[in-house]
Protein backbone atom coordinates (compact mmCIF):
# COMPACT_ATOMS: atom_id res chain seq x y z
CA MET A 1 -15.70 16.17 18.60
CA PRO A 2 -14.09 17.44 15.18
CA LYS A 3 -15.87 16.26 12.10
CA ILE A 4 -13.10 14.76 10.16
CA LYS A 5 -13.20 12.73 6.80
CA ILE A 6 -10.45 10.33 5.82
CA ILE A 7 -9.31 10.13 2.25
CA THR A 8 -6.96 7.88 0.80
CA ASP A 9 -6.34 6.34 -2.76
CA SER A 10 -6.68 2.92 -4.40
CA THR A 11 -3.08 1.70 -3.43
CA CYS A 12 -3.75 1.63 0.33
CA ASP A 13 -5.19 -2.01 -0.30
CA LEU A 14 -7.58 -1.99 2.59
CA SER A 15 -10.29 -4.53 2.41
CA PRO A 16 -13.94 -3.00 1.51
CA GLU A 17 -15.02 -4.20 5.19
CA LEU A 18 -12.12 -1.81 6.89
CA LEU A 19 -12.88 1.18 4.44
CA ALA A 20 -16.59 0.92 5.50
CA LYS A 21 -16.27 0.39 8.94
CA HIS A 22 -13.83 3.39 9.14
CA GLN A 23 -15.83 5.47 6.48
CA ILE A 24 -12.59 6.06 4.36
CA GLU A 25 -13.21 7.56 0.96
CA VAL A 26 -10.98 5.89 -1.62
CA ILE A 27 -9.95 7.93 -4.87
CA PRO A 28 -8.50 5.60 -7.76
CA LEU A 29 -5.55 5.65 -9.63
CA PHE A 30 -5.45 4.93 -13.36
CA VAL A 31 -4.26 1.91 -15.22
CA ASN A 32 -3.81 2.29 -18.76
CA PHE A 33 -3.37 0.01 -21.43
CA GLY A 34 -2.50 1.86 -24.62
CA GLU A 35 -5.36 3.94 -25.15
CA ASP A 36 -7.85 2.25 -23.04
CA SER A 37 -7.91 3.69 -19.21
CA TYR A 38 -9.27 2.02 -16.09
CA LEU A 39 -9.92 3.18 -12.66
CA ASP A 40 -8.02 0.79 -10.27
CA GLY A 41 -10.59 -0.98 -8.27
CA LYS A 42 -13.59 0.74 -9.86
CA ASN A 43 -13.86 -0.79 -13.39
CA ILE A 44 -10.90 -3.28 -13.44
CA THR A 45 -9.95 -6.01 -10.89
CA THR A 46 -6.39 -7.43 -10.10
CA SER A 47 -7.60 -10.69 -11.85
CA GLU A 48 -8.76 -8.77 -15.10
CA LEU A 49 -5.35 -6.96 -14.89
CA TYR A 50 -3.42 -10.04 -15.33
CA GLU A 51 -6.03 -11.29 -18.09
CA LYS A 52 -5.16 -7.98 -19.99
CA VAL A 53 -1.58 -8.12 -19.54
CA GLU A 54 -1.87 -11.61 -21.66
CA GLU A 55 -4.39 -10.13 -24.20
CA TYR A 56 -1.96 -6.99 -24.46
CA LYS A 57 1.29 -8.93 -24.14
CA SER A 58 2.40 -5.84 -22.27
CA LEU A 59 2.15 -4.15 -18.92
CA PRO A 60 -0.32 -1.31 -18.26
CA LYS A 61 1.01 2.13 -17.34
CA THR A 62 -0.15 3.49 -14.15
CA ALA A 63 -1.12 7.15 -13.56
CA ALA A 64 -1.49 9.71 -10.78
CA ILE A 65 -4.66 11.03 -9.47
CA PRO A 66 -5.29 14.39 -11.20
CA PHE A 67 -5.26 17.81 -9.18
CA GLN A 68 -8.62 18.46 -10.43
CA THR A 69 -9.99 14.99 -9.09
CA PHE A 70 -8.61 16.15 -5.48
CA LEU A 71 -9.93 19.71 -5.81
CA ASP A 72 -13.49 18.18 -6.59
CA THR A 73 -13.34 15.49 -3.80
CA PHE A 74 -12.06 17.92 -1.23
CA GLN A 75 -14.42 20.69 -2.16
CA LYS A 76 -17.52 18.32 -1.77
CA PHE A 77 -16.37 17.25 1.77
CA LEU A 78 -15.57 20.75 2.85
CA GLU A 79 -19.09 21.77 1.91
CA GLN A 80 -20.30 19.09 4.22
CA GLY A 81 -18.55 20.64 7.09
CA TYR A 82 -15.58 18.31 7.38
CA ASP A 83 -12.03 18.91 8.14
CA ILE A 84 -10.11 16.51 5.63
CA ILE A 85 -7.06 14.30 6.30
CA TYR A 86 -5.62 12.60 3.23
CA THR A 87 -2.70 10.03 2.83
CA GLY A 88 -1.96 7.75 0.09
CA ILE A 89 1.15 6.42 -2.02
CA SER A 90 4.53 7.87 -1.27
CA LYS A 91 5.36 10.97 -3.04
CA ALA A 92 8.52 9.45 -4.20
CA MET A 93 6.61 6.90 -6.10
CA SER A 94 3.66 8.88 -7.63
CA SER A 95 2.79 12.45 -8.23
CA THR A 96 -0.49 11.66 -6.48
CA CYS A 97 0.48 13.42 -3.15
CA ASN A 98 1.87 16.43 -4.54
CA ASN A 99 -1.35 17.01 -6.51
CA ALA A 100 -3.28 16.54 -3.32
CA ARG A 101 -1.13 18.97 -1.65
CA LEU A 102 -1.68 21.60 -4.50
CA ALA A 103 -5.53 20.96 -4.24
CA SER A 104 -5.52 21.79 -0.40
CA GLU A 105 -3.38 24.77 -0.67
CA GLU A 106 -5.89 25.89 -3.44
CA LEU A 107 -8.88 25.47 -1.14
CA ASP A 108 -8.12 25.67 2.47
CA PRO A 109 -4.84 24.14 4.00
CA GLU A 110 -5.91 24.78 7.49
CA ARG A 111 -8.81 22.31 7.13
CA ILE A 112 -6.97 19.86 4.72
CA SER A 113 -4.03 17.88 6.18
CA VAL A 114 -2.13 16.12 3.40
CA ILE A 115 0.61 13.70 4.93
CA ASP A 116 3.00 11.47 2.68
CA SER A 117 2.53 8.21 3.77
CA MET A 118 6.19 7.15 2.76
CA ASN A 119 4.84 3.72 1.89
CA LEU A 120 2.64 1.75 -0.48
CA SER A 121 -0.25 -0.94 -0.03
CA THR A 122 -1.27 -1.69 3.46
CA GLY A 123 1.79 0.25 4.79
CA ILE A 124 -0.53 2.93 4.07
CA GLY A 125 -3.32 0.95 5.56
CA LEU A 126 -1.78 0.54 8.74
CA ILE A 127 -1.43 4.42 8.90
CA LEU A 128 -5.16 5.08 7.93
CA LEU A 129 -6.21 2.55 10.96
CA ARG A 130 -4.09 4.81 13.09
CA ILE A 131 -5.80 7.84 11.83
CA ALA A 132 -9.04 6.39 12.34
CA LYS A 133 -8.22 5.63 15.87
CA LEU A 134 -7.32 9.01 16.67
CA VAL A 135 -10.43 10.38 14.95
CA ASP A 136 -12.44 8.05 17.25
CA GLU A 137 -10.76 9.52 20.31
CA GLY A 138 -11.80 13.05 19.20
CA LYS A 139 -8.07 14.38 18.48
CA ASP A 140 -8.45 17.55 15.89
CA LEU A 141 -6.45 17.83 12.70
CA VAL A 142 -3.35 19.32 14.23
CA GLU A 143 -2.90 16.47 16.56
CA ILE A 144 -3.45 13.60 14.23
CA THR A 145 -1.18 15.22 11.76
CA SER A 146 1.56 15.49 14.52
CA ASP A 147 1.09 12.13 15.30
CA ILE A 148 1.05 10.64 12.01
CA ASN A 149 4.19 12.20 10.80
CA ILE A 150 6.27 10.24 13.51
CA TYR A 151 3.94 7.11 13.25
CA ARG A 152 4.56 6.71 9.37
CA THR A 153 8.24 6.08 10.11
CA LYS A 154 7.45 2.95 12.18
CA VAL A 155 5.91 1.22 9.37
CA ARG A 156 7.74 -2.00 8.01
CA SER A 157 6.57 -3.08 4.81
CA GLN A 158 8.39 -6.03 3.08
CA PHE A 159 7.15 -8.20 -0.01
CA VAL A 160 8.54 -11.18 -1.64
CA ILE A 161 8.52 -10.72 -5.53
CA PRO A 162 8.30 -14.31 -6.95
CA THR A 163 9.24 -13.28 -10.39
CA LEU A 164 11.31 -10.26 -11.74
CA ASP A 165 9.69 -10.00 -14.98
CA TYR A 166 7.28 -7.43 -13.97
CA LEU A 167 10.26 -5.25 -12.54
CA TYR A 168 12.10 -5.90 -15.71
CA LYS A 169 9.46 -5.05 -18.18
CA GLY A 170 8.51 -2.00 -16.05
CA GLY A 171 11.85 -0.70 -16.20
CA ARG A 172 12.69 -1.36 -12.26
CA CYS A 173 15.63 -3.84 -13.01
CA SER A 174 18.03 -4.30 -15.88
CA GLY A 175 17.85 -7.43 -18.16
CA LEU A 176 21.19 -8.91 -16.53
CA THR A 177 19.65 -8.58 -13.19
CA ASN A 178 16.45 -10.42 -14.34
CA LEU A 179 18.52 -13.31 -16.31
CA VAL A 180 20.86 -13.63 -13.21
CA GLY A 181 17.50 -13.71 -10.94
CA LYS A 182 16.10 -16.36 -13.06
CA MET A 183 19.16 -18.54 -13.10
CA PHE A 184 19.84 -18.63 -9.46
CA LYS A 185 15.99 -18.63 -8.94
CA ILE A 186 16.15 -15.32 -6.72
CA LYS A 187 13.03 -14.36 -4.80
CA PRO A 188 13.99 -10.97 -3.74
CA ILE A 189 12.59 -9.42 -0.82
CA ILE A 190 11.37 -5.71 -1.58
CA GLU A 191 11.56 -3.36 1.45
CA VAL A 192 9.95 -0.06 1.77
CA ARG A 193 11.95 2.47 3.71
CA ASP A 194 11.88 6.15 3.90
CA GLY A 195 9.17 6.28 1.04
CA LYS A 196 11.35 4.23 -1.44
CA MET A 197 11.34 0.43 -2.42
CA ASN A 198 14.80 -0.92 -1.90
CA VAL A 199 16.17 -4.70 -2.38
CA GLY A 200 16.42 -6.37 0.86
CA PRO A 201 17.30 -10.10 1.30
CA LYS A 202 17.54 -12.12 -1.58
CA PRO A 203 16.66 -16.02 -0.78
CA ARG A 204 16.95 -18.42 -3.54
CA GLY A 205 15.15 -21.52 -4.63
CA LYS A 206 11.74 -22.27 -3.62
CA MET A 207 9.15 -19.65 -2.69
CA LEU A 208 8.82 -21.29 0.68
CA ASN A 209 12.27 -20.03 1.47
CA ALA A 210 11.35 -16.52 1.05
CA LEU A 211 8.09 -16.88 2.97
CA ASN A 212 10.19 -18.05 5.74
CA VAL A 213 12.71 -15.01 5.32
CA LEU A 214 9.64 -12.73 5.71
CA LEU A 215 8.52 -14.61 8.99
CA ASN A 216 12.23 -14.29 10.41
CA MET A 217 12.15 -10.50 9.77
CA VAL A 218 8.95 -10.41 11.78
CA LYS A 219 10.33 -12.49 14.56
CA ASN A 220 13.59 -10.21 14.73
CA ASP A 221 11.24 -7.32 15.18
CA LEU A 222 9.10 -9.02 17.85
CA PRO A 223 10.41 -7.44 20.89
CA LYS A 224 9.59 -3.85 19.43
CA LEU A 225 6.38 -4.83 17.48
CA GLU A 226 3.40 -2.69 18.02
CA PRO A 227 0.63 -4.89 19.50
CA VAL A 228 -2.28 -3.69 17.21
CA ASN A 229 -2.36 -4.70 13.52
CA ILE A 230 -0.42 -6.70 10.95
CA PHE A 231 -1.39 -7.37 7.30
CA VAL A 232 -0.62 -10.22 4.96
CA THR A 233 -1.28 -8.59 1.45
CA HIS A 234 -0.91 -10.66 -1.80
CA SER A 235 -1.54 -10.20 -5.36
CA LEU A 236 -3.60 -13.51 -6.21
CA ASN A 237 -1.52 -15.78 -3.87
CA PRO A 238 -4.07 -16.93 -1.28
CA GLU A 239 -2.22 -20.33 -0.43
CA ASP A 240 1.06 -18.61 0.61
CA ALA A 241 -1.08 -16.03 2.48
CA ASN A 242 -2.70 -18.76 4.51
CA TYR A 243 0.54 -20.09 5.20
CA LEU A 244 2.00 -16.97 6.33
CA VAL A 245 -1.20 -16.37 8.53
CA THR A 246 -0.88 -19.91 9.96
CA GLU A 247 2.72 -19.23 10.92
CA LEU A 248 2.37 -15.73 12.25
CA LYS A 249 -0.45 -17.13 14.55
CA LYS A 250 2.25 -19.48 16.11
CA PHE A 251 4.38 -16.47 17.46
CA LEU A 252 2.53 -13.21 17.43
CA PRO A 253 0.63 -12.09 20.66
CA ALA A 254 -2.88 -12.85 20.86
CA ASN A 255 -3.97 -9.27 20.95
CA ILE A 256 -2.41 -8.56 17.44
CA ASN A 257 -5.07 -8.24 14.76
CA ILE A 258 -4.10 -10.25 11.60
CA TYR A 259 -5.78 -8.94 8.44
CA THR A 260 -5.27 -10.59 4.82
CA THR A 261 -6.16 -8.11 1.94
CA CYS A 262 -5.49 -8.30 -1.77
CA ALA A 263 -3.21 -6.23 -3.62
CA GLY A 264 -5.07 -3.83 -6.05
CA CYS A 265 -4.25 -3.18 -9.92
CA VAL A 266 -1.52 -0.50 -9.52
CA ILE A 267 0.38 -2.47 -6.96
CA SER A 268 0.00 -5.49 -8.95
CA SER A 269 1.09 -4.00 -12.10
CA HIS A 270 4.55 -3.17 -10.83
CA CYS A 271 5.30 -6.24 -8.83
CA GLY A 272 3.35 -9.05 -10.69
CA LYS A 273 1.09 -11.98 -9.84
CA GLY A 274 1.93 -13.95 -6.51
CA THR A 275 3.67 -11.01 -4.77
CA ILE A 276 2.99 -11.23 -1.19
CA GLY A 277 4.17 -9.18 1.85
CA ILE A 278 4.00 -8.79 5.73
CA LEU A 279 3.37 -5.27 6.80
CA TYR A 280 3.38 -3.97 10.39
CA THR A 281 4.54 -1.41 12.69
CA ILE A 282 7.08 -1.00 15.48
CA LYS A 283 7.23 0.87 18.65
C-alpha cells in the first residue's frame, strides 16, 4: 500500500476529531489586524476573531500560505517517505493553491499532487474525506488525483449570510446593495460553483426563511445525493445548526453521516457571525 500524506489548509473547517482520525496535516492561513498577525486556528479562534473586530472596529485581512511554508512542509514528509496529496481553498479565492503548486514543482511533482478543490470550508472537507477513503483502499497518487478531479465538480456548497455587513466591509458588495439588503431584510444564499462564490436565492425576512430555503435545496437534490457525508457548518450559530440537523434527519437516508462543524477565522472574516451552510456531494 502506498504511503500517502494528506495535507490541507485551515479553511477546510473539519473538526479536530475528523482531522485526527484521518491523520490530515493542516497548514494555517494568516489573519491580520493591522500589524498584528495570527495563524488561523492556531493562535486565534473564531470567537476571538469577532472580539478583535469589535476592538479594532475593522475587519481583518487574510493572507495566503507562503511558498516557503509549503516547501518546508512538503520536504518534511517527503523525507519521511510519504507521497503527498494537497488540496485547500479554491485558487480563484486565494493564491494558496498556486504557492503549493510552485513548491511541488520545486521539489518532486511526481510525488506531490496539488489539487484545486474549487471550493471552501467543508466543501474542501468533503473532498478530504473522499481522499482519505481512497488512501485507505490503497489507491496510488495518480489514481486518487484522477478520481478527485472529477469528484470536486460534484460538491455542492451553499451558505446563508445573515448580514451583508461583512461582505460590504470586505469590498465584496456595494454600499447600495448592503443598504437594499438591510431595507428588505435579505438573507442571501451564497453558492460555491466552479471555484467561485455566487449569489443564489435571496430569501427575505426571518433567518428561518433562509434556513428553509437551504433545506429545500437539499431536498431538490435528494434523488442524486451521494449517500455518504453531509456537513452543517456555521460561524458561531449553534442554534440554527441544531435546527438544520434536526430537519435533515427527517428526510435524509439513514446511511448518510451528518457532521456539524464550526467555521474557522478565514471563512468567518469574509462572511460574518451567524453564517451557516449545508454542504454535500451529488452523484
